[in-house]
Amino acid sequence: MLVQFSISDIANSFALTTPDFTPDHGEDMAVKARFGDRELLTGWLEEVDNSTVPDQEGTRLSGRSKAGDLVDCSAIVPGGEYHNLSLLEACVDLCKPFGIGVSALVDVGDRFDRIKIEQGEEVGQVIDRICRERGLMAWSVGAGDLVLGRPGFARAQTDLRYRYTTTGQLQSDNNIIELSAKLTKANRHSKLIMRSQGQTSDDRFRYCRRPVEASA
């Protein structure tokens, strides 16, 4: 199983391939991913891929944590505004319809005088926007709830290792599973031209637009 976490995404995701799964088992199926006793992800199965691929044996299952609902659904707030709420209070109210709890690891700052919700704005977008105004971030934890806080700046206790033996084999104590690099020559040009307009005076037309051009 592959479980992906990112501080830039409010919802975590998972994927795995299994030989004994049929599509009719996957409707509205809740998922818990664990590593030993540690709960990594609580969410929902979203996709069942039964494609016949030579290098793929079995059925590929994938989905996201409970916070995936916050990415897919628009925020419904009566009147389209919050007034005199703290960041935590606003996030709790936004997540309540989805059964997702919210807690804060740090002080969330002053109350907002007004939080305007744009038409069709996703819940996750609202949370991300108001968190940024307080210099904070929101992320999912293993139980599926959200936590508000700041990213850590301390070094990990363990160094990353990806080394080879003298015979060219990967060492057994490596903790990096996979590395990849992608080089592309797309969108490379011998000349770049940038154009804009600047205002200049004219006796007859008072003002007109004078094009400005630069190349590199």
N, C-alpha and C. Protein backbone atom coordinates (compact mmCIF):
# COMPACT_ATOMS: atom_id res chain seq x y z
N MET A 1 0.84 -1.20 0.00
CA MET A 1 0.00 0.00 0.00
C MET A 1 0.87 1.25 0.00
N LEU A 2 0.46 2.24 -0.77
CA LEU A 2 1.12 3.54 -0.80
C LEU A 2 0.20 4.56 -0.15
N VAL A 3 0.68 5.22 0.91
CA VAL A 3 -0.07 6.28 1.57
C VAL A 3 0.73 7.56 1.39
N GLN A 4 0.10 8.59 0.82
CA GLN A 4 0.79 9.84 0.52
C GLN A 4 0.32 10.96 1.44
N PHE A 5 1.30 11.67 2.01
CA PHE A 5 1.04 12.82 2.85
C PHE A 5 1.72 14.04 2.23
N SER A 6 1.10 15.19 2.35
CA SER A 6 1.69 16.42 1.84
C SER A 6 1.17 17.60 2.63
N ILE A 7 2.08 18.52 3.02
CA ILE A 7 1.62 19.70 3.75
C ILE A 7 0.91 20.68 2.83
N SER A 8 0.99 20.45 1.51
CA SER A 8 0.30 21.34 0.57
C SER A 8 -1.10 20.85 0.23
N ASP A 9 -1.46 19.63 0.65
CA ASP A 9 -2.78 19.07 0.38
C ASP A 9 -3.50 18.80 1.69
N ILE A 10 -4.74 19.26 1.80
CA ILE A 10 -5.48 19.09 3.03
C ILE A 10 -5.93 17.64 3.22
N ALA A 11 -6.04 16.89 2.12
CA ALA A 11 -6.45 15.49 2.18
C ALA A 11 -5.29 14.58 1.80
N ASN A 12 -5.12 13.50 2.54
CA ASN A 12 -4.12 12.49 2.22
C ASN A 12 -4.74 11.44 1.31
N SER A 13 -3.92 10.62 0.67
CA SER A 13 -4.43 9.63 -0.28
C SER A 13 -3.75 8.29 -0.08
N PHE A 14 -4.37 7.24 -0.62
CA PHE A 14 -3.79 5.90 -0.54
C PHE A 14 -4.07 5.16 -1.84
N ALA A 15 -3.27 4.13 -2.09
CA ALA A 15 -3.46 3.27 -3.25
C ALA A 15 -2.83 1.91 -2.96
N LEU A 16 -3.48 0.86 -3.41
CA LEU A 16 -2.92 -0.48 -3.26
C LEU A 16 -3.50 -1.38 -4.33
N THR A 17 -2.84 -2.50 -4.56
CA THR A 17 -3.31 -3.50 -5.50
C THR A 17 -3.55 -4.81 -4.76
N THR A 18 -4.72 -5.41 -4.97
CA THR A 18 -5.08 -6.64 -4.28
C THR A 18 -5.61 -7.66 -5.29
N PRO A 19 -5.31 -8.96 -5.11
CA PRO A 19 -5.77 -9.96 -6.07
C PRO A 19 -7.20 -10.45 -5.82
N ASP A 20 -7.77 -10.17 -4.65
CA ASP A 20 -9.07 -10.75 -4.30
C ASP A 20 -10.08 -9.67 -3.94
N PHE A 21 -10.45 -8.88 -4.93
CA PHE A 21 -11.42 -7.81 -4.71
C PHE A 21 -12.28 -7.68 -5.95
N THR A 22 -13.59 -7.57 -5.76
CA THR A 22 -14.50 -7.38 -6.89
C THR A 22 -15.18 -6.02 -6.76
N PRO A 23 -15.53 -5.37 -7.89
CA PRO A 23 -16.04 -4.00 -7.86
C PRO A 23 -17.26 -3.79 -6.99
N ASP A 24 -18.17 -4.79 -6.89
CA ASP A 24 -19.40 -4.59 -6.13
C ASP A 24 -19.15 -4.50 -4.63
N HIS A 25 -17.91 -4.77 -4.20
CA HIS A 25 -17.58 -4.65 -2.78
C HIS A 25 -17.24 -3.22 -2.39
N GLY A 26 -17.03 -2.33 -3.36
CA GLY A 26 -16.41 -1.04 -3.05
C GLY A 26 -17.35 0.11 -2.82
N GLU A 27 -18.66 -0.10 -2.85
CA GLU A 27 -19.58 1.03 -2.75
C GLU A 27 -19.60 1.60 -1.34
N ASP A 28 -19.29 2.90 -1.22
CA ASP A 28 -19.31 3.59 0.08
C ASP A 28 -18.53 2.84 1.15
N MET A 29 -17.36 2.39 0.82
CA MET A 29 -16.56 1.60 1.76
C MET A 29 -15.61 2.50 2.54
N ALA A 30 -15.69 2.45 3.87
CA ALA A 30 -14.77 3.19 4.73
C ALA A 30 -13.43 2.46 4.78
N VAL A 31 -12.35 3.22 4.92
CA VAL A 31 -11.01 2.65 4.88
C VAL A 31 -10.19 3.17 6.06
N LYS A 32 -9.43 2.29 6.67
CA LYS A 32 -8.43 2.66 7.67
C LYS A 32 -7.10 2.05 7.26
N ALA A 33 -6.06 2.87 7.19
CA ALA A 33 -4.72 2.39 6.87
C ALA A 33 -3.86 2.49 8.12
N ARG A 34 -3.21 1.39 8.48
CA ARG A 34 -2.38 1.36 9.69
C ARG A 34 -0.99 0.84 9.36
N PHE A 35 -0.02 1.31 10.14
CA PHE A 35 1.33 0.77 10.10
C PHE A 35 1.63 0.29 11.52
N GLY A 36 1.49 -1.02 11.74
CA GLY A 36 1.58 -1.52 13.10
C GLY A 36 0.39 -1.01 13.90
N ASP A 37 0.67 -0.38 15.03
CA ASP A 37 -0.39 0.20 15.86
C ASP A 37 -0.69 1.64 15.49
N ARG A 38 0.05 2.19 14.56
CA ARG A 38 -0.13 3.60 14.20
C ARG A 38 -1.17 3.75 13.10
N GLU A 39 -2.16 4.58 13.35
CA GLU A 39 -3.20 4.84 12.36
C GLU A 39 -2.73 5.93 11.41
N LEU A 40 -2.59 5.59 10.13
CA LEU A 40 -2.07 6.54 9.15
C LEU A 40 -3.16 7.34 8.46
N LEU A 41 -4.28 6.71 8.17
CA LEU A 41 -5.31 7.37 7.36
C LEU A 41 -6.67 6.77 7.65
N THR A 42 -7.68 7.63 7.75
CA THR A 42 -9.07 7.21 7.84
C THR A 42 -9.84 7.94 6.75
N GLY A 43 -10.49 7.18 5.88
CA GLY A 43 -11.17 7.85 4.77
C GLY A 43 -12.10 6.92 4.04
N TRP A 44 -12.14 7.11 2.71
CA TRP A 44 -13.09 6.39 1.88
C TRP A 44 -12.43 5.84 0.63
N LEU A 45 -12.89 4.67 0.21
CA LEU A 45 -12.48 4.11 -1.07
C LEU A 45 -13.21 4.87 -2.17
N GLU A 46 -12.46 5.38 -3.16
CA GLU A 46 -13.05 6.21 -4.21
C GLU A 46 -12.99 5.58 -5.59
N GLU A 47 -11.94 4.82 -5.86
CA GLU A 47 -11.79 4.25 -7.20
C GLU A 47 -11.40 2.78 -7.12
N VAL A 48 -12.03 1.99 -7.99
CA VAL A 48 -11.70 0.57 -8.15
C VAL A 48 -11.32 0.36 -9.61
N ASP A 49 -10.06 0.04 -9.86
CA ASP A 49 -9.54 -0.08 -11.22
C ASP A 49 -9.31 -1.55 -11.55
N ASN A 50 -10.15 -2.09 -12.43
CA ASN A 50 -10.02 -3.48 -12.85
C ASN A 50 -9.42 -3.60 -14.24
N SER A 51 -8.68 -2.59 -14.67
CA SER A 51 -8.09 -2.61 -16.01
C SER A 51 -7.12 -3.77 -16.17
N THR A 52 -7.09 -4.32 -17.36
CA THR A 52 -6.17 -5.40 -17.66
C THR A 52 -4.87 -4.81 -18.19
N VAL A 53 -3.84 -4.82 -17.35
CA VAL A 53 -2.54 -4.27 -17.70
C VAL A 53 -1.50 -5.36 -17.48
N PRO A 54 -0.58 -5.56 -18.43
CA PRO A 54 0.40 -6.64 -18.28
C PRO A 54 1.19 -6.60 -16.97
N ASP A 55 1.58 -5.40 -16.53
CA ASP A 55 2.40 -5.30 -15.33
C ASP A 55 1.58 -5.16 -14.05
N GLN A 56 0.26 -5.21 -14.16
CA GLN A 56 -0.58 -5.03 -12.98
C GLN A 56 -1.39 -6.29 -12.73
N GLU A 57 -1.17 -6.93 -11.61
CA GLU A 57 -1.90 -8.12 -11.25
C GLU A 57 -2.90 -7.77 -10.15
N GLY A 58 -4.17 -8.04 -10.38
CA GLY A 58 -5.17 -7.75 -9.38
C GLY A 58 -5.89 -6.45 -9.64
N THR A 59 -6.61 -6.00 -8.62
CA THR A 59 -7.42 -4.79 -8.70
C THR A 59 -6.75 -3.66 -7.94
N ARG A 60 -6.67 -2.49 -8.55
CA ARG A 60 -6.05 -1.33 -7.90
C ARG A 60 -7.14 -0.51 -7.21
N LEU A 61 -6.95 -0.29 -5.92
CA LEU A 61 -7.88 0.48 -5.11
C LEU A 61 -7.22 1.78 -4.69
N SER A 62 -7.97 2.88 -4.70
CA SER A 62 -7.41 4.16 -4.28
C SER A 62 -8.50 5.02 -3.67
N GLY A 63 -8.09 5.98 -2.88
CA GLY A 63 -9.04 6.89 -2.24
C GLY A 63 -8.31 7.95 -1.44
N ARG A 64 -9.07 8.67 -0.63
CA ARG A 64 -8.49 9.77 0.15
C ARG A 64 -8.99 9.71 1.59
N SER A 65 -8.37 10.51 2.42
CA SER A 65 -8.81 10.64 3.80
C SER A 65 -10.16 11.36 3.84
N LYS A 66 -10.78 11.41 5.01
CA LYS A 66 -12.09 12.05 5.15
C LYS A 66 -12.09 13.49 4.65
N ALA A 67 -10.93 14.14 4.73
CA ALA A 67 -10.83 15.53 4.30
C ALA A 67 -11.01 15.69 2.80
N GLY A 68 -11.06 14.58 2.05
CA GLY A 68 -11.34 14.67 0.62
C GLY A 68 -12.68 15.33 0.35
N ASP A 69 -13.64 15.16 1.28
CA ASP A 69 -14.94 15.83 1.12
C ASP A 69 -14.79 17.34 1.14
N LEU A 70 -13.80 17.84 1.88
CA LEU A 70 -13.59 19.29 1.97
C LEU A 70 -13.06 19.84 0.65
N VAL A 71 -12.39 18.99 -0.12
CA VAL A 71 -11.86 19.40 -1.42
C VAL A 71 -12.96 19.38 -2.48
N ASP A 72 -13.90 18.44 -2.35
CA ASP A 72 -14.92 18.24 -3.39
C ASP A 72 -16.16 19.11 -3.21
N CYS A 73 -16.44 19.55 -1.99
CA CYS A 73 -17.72 20.19 -1.69
C CYS A 73 -17.58 21.69 -1.43
N SER A 74 -18.56 22.43 -1.87
CA SER A 74 -18.58 23.88 -1.64
C SER A 74 -19.04 24.19 -0.22
N ALA A 75 -18.57 25.32 0.28
CA ALA A 75 -18.95 25.77 1.63
C ALA A 75 -20.34 26.39 1.58
N ILE A 76 -21.25 25.90 2.41
CA ILE A 76 -22.60 26.44 2.51
C ILE A 76 -22.72 27.17 3.84
N VAL A 77 -22.72 28.48 3.80
CA VAL A 77 -22.79 29.32 5.00
C VAL A 77 -23.97 30.27 4.84
N PRO A 78 -24.94 30.24 5.75
CA PRO A 78 -26.09 31.16 5.66
C PRO A 78 -25.64 32.61 5.59
N GLY A 79 -26.11 33.32 4.57
CA GLY A 79 -25.71 34.71 4.39
C GLY A 79 -24.38 34.88 3.70
N GLY A 80 -23.63 33.77 3.54
CA GLY A 80 -22.35 33.84 2.84
C GLY A 80 -21.24 34.50 3.63
N GLU A 81 -21.42 34.69 4.94
CA GLU A 81 -20.40 35.37 5.75
C GLU A 81 -20.39 34.81 7.17
N TYR A 82 -19.19 34.87 7.77
CA TYR A 82 -19.03 34.66 9.21
C TYR A 82 -18.66 36.00 9.83
N HIS A 83 -19.08 36.21 11.07
CA HIS A 83 -18.75 37.43 11.78
C HIS A 83 -18.26 37.10 13.19
N ASN A 84 -17.17 37.76 13.57
CA ASN A 84 -16.64 37.66 14.94
C ASN A 84 -16.37 36.22 15.36
N LEU A 85 -15.71 35.46 14.51
CA LEU A 85 -15.31 34.10 14.83
C LEU A 85 -13.80 33.98 14.80
N SER A 86 -13.27 33.09 15.63
CA SER A 86 -11.84 32.79 15.56
C SER A 86 -11.60 31.82 14.41
N LEU A 87 -10.35 31.65 14.05
CA LEU A 87 -10.00 30.71 12.99
C LEU A 87 -10.49 29.31 13.33
N LEU A 88 -10.26 28.88 14.56
CA LEU A 88 -10.68 27.54 14.97
C LEU A 88 -12.19 27.39 14.91
N GLU A 89 -12.93 28.38 15.39
CA GLU A 89 -14.39 28.31 15.38
C GLU A 89 -14.93 28.23 13.96
N ALA A 90 -14.35 29.01 13.05
CA ALA A 90 -14.79 28.98 11.65
C ALA A 90 -14.52 27.62 11.02
N CYS A 91 -13.33 27.06 11.27
CA CYS A 91 -12.99 25.76 10.69
C CYS A 91 -13.87 24.65 11.26
N VAL A 92 -14.16 24.72 12.55
CA VAL A 92 -15.04 23.72 13.17
C VAL A 92 -16.42 23.76 12.51
N ASP A 93 -16.95 24.95 12.29
CA ASP A 93 -18.27 25.07 11.67
C ASP A 93 -18.27 24.59 10.23
N LEU A 94 -17.20 24.89 9.49
CA LEU A 94 -17.11 24.46 8.09
C LEU A 94 -17.03 22.94 7.97
N CYS A 95 -16.36 22.29 8.92
CA CYS A 95 -16.14 20.84 8.84
C CYS A 95 -17.25 20.02 9.50
N LYS A 96 -18.09 20.67 10.28
CA LYS A 96 -19.13 19.95 11.03
C LYS A 96 -20.05 19.12 10.15
N PRO A 97 -20.52 19.61 8.99
CA PRO A 97 -21.41 18.79 8.15
C PRO A 97 -20.79 17.49 7.66
N PHE A 98 -19.46 17.40 7.69
CA PHE A 98 -18.77 16.23 7.16
C PHE A 98 -18.30 15.29 8.27
N GLY A 99 -18.62 15.61 9.52
CA GLY A 99 -18.20 14.78 10.63
C GLY A 99 -16.70 14.80 10.87
N ILE A 100 -16.06 15.90 10.52
CA ILE A 100 -14.61 16.03 10.68
C ILE A 100 -14.32 17.00 11.81
N GLY A 101 -13.59 16.54 12.81
CA GLY A 101 -13.22 17.40 13.93
C GLY A 101 -12.02 18.26 13.60
N VAL A 102 -11.87 19.35 14.32
CA VAL A 102 -10.75 20.28 14.10
C VAL A 102 -10.16 20.67 15.45
N SER A 103 -8.84 20.66 15.54
CA SER A 103 -8.15 21.11 16.75
C SER A 103 -6.97 21.98 16.34
N ALA A 104 -6.44 22.73 17.29
CA ALA A 104 -5.33 23.65 17.02
C ALA A 104 -4.15 23.31 17.92
N LEU A 105 -2.96 23.27 17.34
CA LEU A 105 -1.75 23.01 18.11
C LEU A 105 -1.12 24.28 18.65
N VAL A 106 -1.52 25.43 18.11
CA VAL A 106 -0.93 26.72 18.49
C VAL A 106 -2.05 27.73 18.66
N ASP A 107 -1.69 28.92 19.13
CA ASP A 107 -2.64 30.02 19.25
C ASP A 107 -3.10 30.43 17.84
N VAL A 108 -4.40 30.52 17.63
CA VAL A 108 -4.92 30.83 16.29
C VAL A 108 -5.07 32.32 16.04
N GLY A 109 -4.69 33.16 16.99
CA GLY A 109 -4.71 34.60 16.77
C GLY A 109 -6.06 35.24 17.05
N ASP A 110 -6.19 36.49 16.63
CA ASP A 110 -7.40 37.28 16.90
C ASP A 110 -8.59 36.75 16.10
N ARG A 111 -9.75 37.17 16.54
CA ARG A 111 -10.97 36.83 15.82
C ARG A 111 -11.05 37.59 14.50
N PHE A 112 -11.74 37.00 13.55
CA PHE A 112 -12.01 37.68 12.28
C PHE A 112 -13.24 38.56 12.45
N ASP A 113 -13.15 39.80 12.05
CA ASP A 113 -14.35 40.64 12.03
C ASP A 113 -15.36 40.12 11.01
N ARG A 114 -14.84 39.64 9.88
CA ARG A 114 -15.72 39.17 8.80
C ARG A 114 -14.97 38.18 7.92
N ILE A 115 -15.60 37.07 7.61
CA ILE A 115 -15.06 36.09 6.67
C ILE A 115 -16.08 35.95 5.54
N LYS A 116 -15.71 36.37 4.36
CA LYS A 116 -16.60 36.31 3.20
C LYS A 116 -16.39 34.99 2.47
N ILE A 117 -17.48 34.28 2.21
CA ILE A 117 -17.43 33.02 1.47
C ILE A 117 -17.87 33.29 0.04
N GLU A 118 -17.00 33.02 -0.92
CA GLU A 118 -17.33 33.24 -2.32
C GLU A 118 -18.27 32.15 -2.83
N GLN A 119 -19.11 32.50 -3.81
CA GLN A 119 -20.02 31.52 -4.39
C GLN A 119 -19.24 30.35 -4.98
N GLY A 120 -19.61 29.13 -4.57
CA GLY A 120 -18.97 27.94 -5.10
C GLY A 120 -17.60 27.65 -4.52
N GLU A 121 -17.12 28.44 -3.59
CA GLU A 121 -15.80 28.22 -3.00
C GLU A 121 -15.80 26.92 -2.19
N GLU A 122 -14.82 26.08 -2.44
CA GLU A 122 -14.74 24.81 -1.74
C GLU A 122 -14.38 25.02 -0.28
N VAL A 123 -14.83 24.09 0.56
CA VAL A 123 -14.54 24.19 1.99
C VAL A 123 -13.03 24.23 2.22
N GLY A 124 -12.30 23.36 1.53
CA GLY A 124 -10.85 23.34 1.68
C GLY A 124 -10.20 24.65 1.28
N GLN A 125 -10.74 25.30 0.25
CA GLN A 125 -10.19 26.59 -0.18
C GLN A 125 -10.42 27.66 0.88
N VAL A 126 -11.61 27.66 1.49
CA VAL A 126 -11.89 28.64 2.55
C VAL A 126 -10.95 28.43 3.72
N ILE A 127 -10.79 27.18 4.15
CA ILE A 127 -9.91 26.88 5.28
C ILE A 127 -8.48 27.28 4.98
N ASP A 128 -8.00 26.96 3.77
CA ASP A 128 -6.64 27.32 3.39
C ASP A 128 -6.46 28.84 3.39
N ARG A 129 -7.45 29.56 2.88
CA ARG A 129 -7.35 31.02 2.78
C ARG A 129 -7.30 31.68 4.16
N ILE A 130 -8.19 31.29 5.05
CA ILE A 130 -8.21 31.95 6.36
C ILE A 130 -7.04 31.50 7.23
N CYS A 131 -6.54 30.28 7.00
CA CYS A 131 -5.34 29.84 7.73
C CYS A 131 -4.14 30.68 7.32
N ARG A 132 -4.01 30.95 6.02
CA ARG A 132 -2.89 31.75 5.54
C ARG A 132 -2.91 33.15 6.13
N GLU A 133 -4.10 33.69 6.35
CA GLU A 133 -4.21 35.03 6.94
C GLU A 133 -3.68 35.06 8.37
N ARG A 134 -3.61 33.91 9.01
CA ARG A 134 -3.06 33.82 10.37
C ARG A 134 -1.70 33.14 10.39
N GLY A 135 -1.12 32.91 9.21
CA GLY A 135 0.19 32.28 9.13
C GLY A 135 0.20 30.83 9.56
N LEU A 136 -0.92 30.13 9.37
CA LEU A 136 -1.04 28.74 9.80
C LEU A 136 -1.37 27.84 8.61
N MET A 137 -1.40 26.54 8.87
CA MET A 137 -1.76 25.54 7.86
C MET A 137 -2.72 24.55 8.49
N ALA A 138 -3.45 23.84 7.63
CA ALA A 138 -4.34 22.77 8.08
C ALA A 138 -3.94 21.47 7.40
N TRP A 139 -3.90 20.38 8.16
CA TRP A 139 -3.58 19.08 7.57
C TRP A 139 -4.36 17.98 8.28
N SER A 140 -4.46 16.83 7.59
CA SER A 140 -5.19 15.68 8.12
C SER A 140 -4.30 14.85 9.03
N VAL A 141 -4.92 14.25 10.05
CA VAL A 141 -4.23 13.31 10.92
C VAL A 141 -4.84 11.93 10.71
N GLY A 142 -4.25 10.93 11.36
CA GLY A 142 -4.64 9.54 11.11
C GLY A 142 -6.11 9.24 11.30
N ALA A 143 -6.74 9.87 12.28
CA ALA A 143 -8.15 9.60 12.57
C ALA A 143 -9.09 10.27 11.57
N GLY A 144 -8.55 11.07 10.64
CA GLY A 144 -9.37 11.72 9.64
C GLY A 144 -9.73 13.15 9.96
N ASP A 145 -9.38 13.62 11.15
CA ASP A 145 -9.69 15.00 11.54
C ASP A 145 -8.62 15.96 11.04
N LEU A 146 -8.86 17.27 11.24
CA LEU A 146 -7.92 18.30 10.83
C LEU A 146 -7.20 18.89 12.04
N VAL A 147 -5.98 19.31 11.79
CA VAL A 147 -5.18 20.00 12.81
C VAL A 147 -4.70 21.31 12.21
N LEU A 148 -4.78 22.38 12.99
CA LEU A 148 -4.27 23.68 12.58
C LEU A 148 -2.94 23.93 13.30
N GLY A 149 -1.94 24.35 12.57
CA GLY A 149 -0.64 24.59 13.19
C GLY A 149 0.34 25.18 12.19
N ARG A 150 1.60 25.12 12.56
CA ARG A 150 2.68 25.60 11.69
C ARG A 150 3.58 24.42 11.32
N PRO A 151 4.15 24.44 10.11
CA PRO A 151 5.08 23.37 9.76
C PRO A 151 6.32 23.43 10.62
N GLY A 152 6.88 22.27 10.93
CA GLY A 152 8.08 22.23 11.75
C GLY A 152 9.32 22.59 10.95
N PHE A 153 10.31 23.12 11.65
CA PHE A 153 11.57 23.49 11.00
C PHE A 153 12.74 22.69 11.56
N ALA A 154 12.46 21.74 12.45
CA ALA A 154 13.52 20.92 13.02
C ALA A 154 13.89 19.80 12.05
N ARG A 155 15.12 19.33 12.13
CA ARG A 155 15.56 18.22 11.30
C ARG A 155 14.97 16.92 11.82
N ALA A 156 14.76 15.99 10.91
CA ALA A 156 14.29 14.67 11.31
C ALA A 156 15.37 13.97 12.13
N GLN A 157 14.94 13.07 12.99
CA GLN A 157 15.90 12.37 13.84
C GLN A 157 16.76 11.40 13.05
N THR A 158 16.27 10.96 11.90
CA THR A 158 16.99 9.98 11.08
C THR A 158 17.38 10.61 9.74
N ASP A 159 18.63 10.44 9.34
CA ASP A 159 19.08 10.93 8.04
C ASP A 159 18.52 10.05 6.93
N LEU A 160 18.27 10.66 5.77
CA LEU A 160 17.84 9.90 4.61
C LEU A 160 19.03 9.16 4.01
N ARG A 161 18.80 7.89 3.65
CA ARG A 161 19.89 7.07 3.13
C ARG A 161 19.46 6.39 1.83
N TYR A 162 20.32 6.49 0.83
CA TYR A 162 20.11 5.79 -0.44
C TYR A 162 21.50 5.49 -0.99
N ARG A 163 22.06 4.37 -0.56
CA ARG A 163 23.47 4.08 -0.87
C ARG A 163 23.61 2.71 -1.52
N TYR A 164 24.74 2.54 -2.20
CA TYR A 164 25.04 1.29 -2.87
C TYR A 164 26.23 0.61 -2.20
N THR A 165 26.26 -0.71 -2.31
CA THR A 165 27.42 -1.45 -1.85
C THR A 165 28.52 -1.35 -2.91
N THR A 166 29.69 -1.85 -2.58
CA THR A 166 30.81 -1.81 -3.53
C THR A 166 30.55 -2.65 -4.77
N THR A 167 29.59 -3.58 -4.68
CA THR A 167 29.26 -4.42 -5.83
C THR A 167 28.08 -3.87 -6.63
N GLY A 168 27.61 -2.67 -6.27
CA GLY A 168 26.54 -2.04 -7.03
C GLY A 168 25.14 -2.37 -6.58
N GLN A 169 24.98 -3.06 -5.44
CA GLN A 169 23.66 -3.39 -4.92
C GLN A 169 23.21 -2.33 -3.92
N LEU A 170 21.89 -2.13 -3.81
CA LEU A 170 21.37 -1.20 -2.81
C LEU A 170 21.59 -1.76 -1.41
N GLN A 171 22.03 -0.90 -0.50
CA GLN A 171 22.26 -1.33 0.87
C GLN A 171 20.94 -1.62 1.58
N SER A 172 20.97 -2.58 2.49
CA SER A 172 19.75 -3.02 3.17
C SER A 172 19.21 -2.00 4.16
N ASP A 173 20.04 -1.05 4.62
CA ASP A 173 19.58 -0.08 5.62
C ASP A 173 19.07 1.22 4.99
N ASN A 174 18.90 1.24 3.67
CA ASN A 174 18.35 2.44 3.02
C ASN A 174 16.92 2.70 3.50
N ASN A 175 16.58 3.97 3.67
CA ASN A 175 15.20 4.30 4.05
C ASN A 175 14.49 5.15 3.00
N ILE A 176 15.12 5.37 1.86
CA ILE A 176 14.46 5.99 0.71
C ILE A 176 14.04 4.86 -0.23
N ILE A 177 12.75 4.76 -0.49
CA ILE A 177 12.24 3.66 -1.30
C ILE A 177 12.47 3.90 -2.78
N GLU A 178 12.28 5.13 -3.22
CA GLU A 178 12.34 5.40 -4.66
C GLU A 178 12.81 6.83 -4.91
N LEU A 179 13.63 7.01 -5.93
CA LEU A 179 14.06 8.33 -6.39
C LEU A 179 13.75 8.44 -7.87
N SER A 180 13.41 9.64 -8.32
CA SER A 180 13.17 9.83 -9.75
C SER A 180 13.56 11.24 -10.13
N ALA A 181 13.93 11.42 -11.39
CA ALA A 181 14.26 12.74 -11.92
C ALA A 181 13.71 12.82 -13.34
N LYS A 182 13.15 13.97 -13.69
CA LYS A 182 12.57 14.16 -15.01
C LYS A 182 13.13 15.43 -15.62
N LEU A 183 13.78 15.30 -16.76
CA LEU A 183 14.33 16.44 -17.48
C LEU A 183 13.51 16.67 -18.74
N THR A 184 13.23 17.91 -19.05
CA THR A 184 12.43 18.21 -20.24
C THR A 184 13.00 19.41 -20.99
N LYS A 185 12.86 19.37 -22.29
CA LYS A 185 13.25 20.50 -23.13
C LYS A 185 12.03 21.24 -23.67
N ALA A 186 10.88 20.94 -23.14
CA ALA A 186 9.66 21.62 -23.57
C ALA A 186 9.68 23.07 -23.11
N ASN A 187 9.06 23.93 -23.90
CA ASN A 187 8.92 25.36 -23.57
C ASN A 187 10.26 26.08 -23.45
N ARG A 188 11.26 25.61 -24.19
CA ARG A 188 12.53 26.33 -24.27
C ARG A 188 12.58 27.03 -25.63
N HIS A 189 12.90 28.32 -25.63
CA HIS A 189 12.85 29.11 -26.86
C HIS A 189 14.13 29.93 -27.01
N SER A 190 14.48 30.20 -28.26
CA SER A 190 15.69 30.99 -28.53
C SER A 190 15.47 32.47 -28.24
N LYS A 191 14.21 32.91 -28.28
CA LYS A 191 13.93 34.32 -28.03
C LYS A 191 12.58 34.46 -27.33
N LEU A 192 12.55 35.29 -26.29
CA LEU A 192 11.32 35.58 -25.57
C LEU A 192 10.97 37.05 -25.78
N ILE A 193 9.73 37.33 -26.15
CA ILE A 193 9.27 38.70 -26.38
C ILE A 193 8.16 39.02 -25.40
N MET A 194 8.32 40.14 -24.69
CA MET A 194 7.31 40.59 -23.74
C MET A 194 6.79 41.95 -24.19
N ARG A 195 5.49 42.10 -24.23
CA ARG A 195 4.88 43.35 -24.67
C ARG A 195 3.89 43.85 -23.63
N SER A 196 3.85 45.17 -23.49
CA SER A 196 2.90 45.80 -22.58
C SER A 196 2.52 47.15 -23.16
N GLN A 197 1.68 47.88 -22.46
CA GLN A 197 1.26 49.19 -22.92
C GLN A 197 1.57 50.23 -21.86
N GLY A 198 2.06 51.38 -22.33
CA GLY A 198 2.32 52.48 -21.43
C GLY A 198 1.56 53.71 -21.87
N GLN A 199 1.22 54.58 -20.96
CA GLN A 199 0.42 55.76 -21.28
C GLN A 199 1.33 56.90 -21.71
N THR A 200 0.94 57.62 -22.79
CA THR A 200 1.71 58.78 -23.26
C THR A 200 0.74 59.88 -23.67
N SER A 201 1.19 61.11 -23.71
CA SER A 201 0.31 62.24 -24.02
C SER A 201 0.22 62.45 -25.52
N ASP A 202 -0.91 63.05 -25.95
CA ASP A 202 -1.13 63.36 -27.36
C ASP A 202 -2.00 64.62 -27.41
N ASP A 203 -1.63 65.57 -28.28
CA ASP A 203 -2.35 66.85 -28.31
C ASP A 203 -3.80 66.69 -28.74
N ARG A 204 -4.07 65.80 -29.69
CA ARG A 204 -5.44 65.68 -30.21
C ARG A 204 -6.30 64.73 -29.38
N PHE A 205 -5.69 63.61 -28.96
CA PHE A 205 -6.48 62.58 -28.27
C PHE A 205 -6.20 62.54 -26.77
N ARG A 206 -5.49 63.52 -26.29
CA ARG A 206 -5.16 63.66 -24.86
C ARG A 206 -4.27 62.51 -24.39
N TYR A 207 -4.77 61.28 -24.40
CA TYR A 207 -3.94 60.16 -23.99
C TYR A 207 -4.12 59.01 -24.98
N CYS A 208 -3.05 58.28 -25.21
CA CYS A 208 -3.15 57.07 -26.02
C CYS A 208 -2.21 56.03 -25.44
N ARG A 209 -2.28 54.85 -25.97
CA ARG A 209 -1.45 53.76 -25.48
C ARG A 209 -0.24 53.56 -26.39
N ARG A 210 0.93 53.56 -25.80
CA ARG A 210 2.16 53.35 -26.55
C ARG A 210 2.70 51.98 -26.19
N PRO A 211 2.84 51.07 -27.17
CA PRO A 211 3.31 49.73 -26.85
C PRO A 211 4.77 49.73 -26.40
N VAL A 212 5.07 48.89 -25.43
CA VAL A 212 6.43 48.71 -24.94
C VAL A 212 6.82 47.27 -25.20
N GLU A 213 8.00 47.08 -25.77
CA GLU A 213 8.43 45.73 -26.11
C GLU A 213 9.86 45.51 -25.64
N ALA A 214 10.11 44.30 -25.14
CA ALA A 214 11.46 43.90 -24.74
C ALA A 214 11.65 42.45 -25.12
N SER A 215 12.87 42.09 -25.44
CA SER A 215 13.16 40.71 -25.81
C SER A 215 14.39 40.23 -25.06
N ALA A 216 14.46 38.92 -24.91
CA ALA A 216 15.60 38.31 -24.22
C ALA A 216 15.95 37.00 -24.90
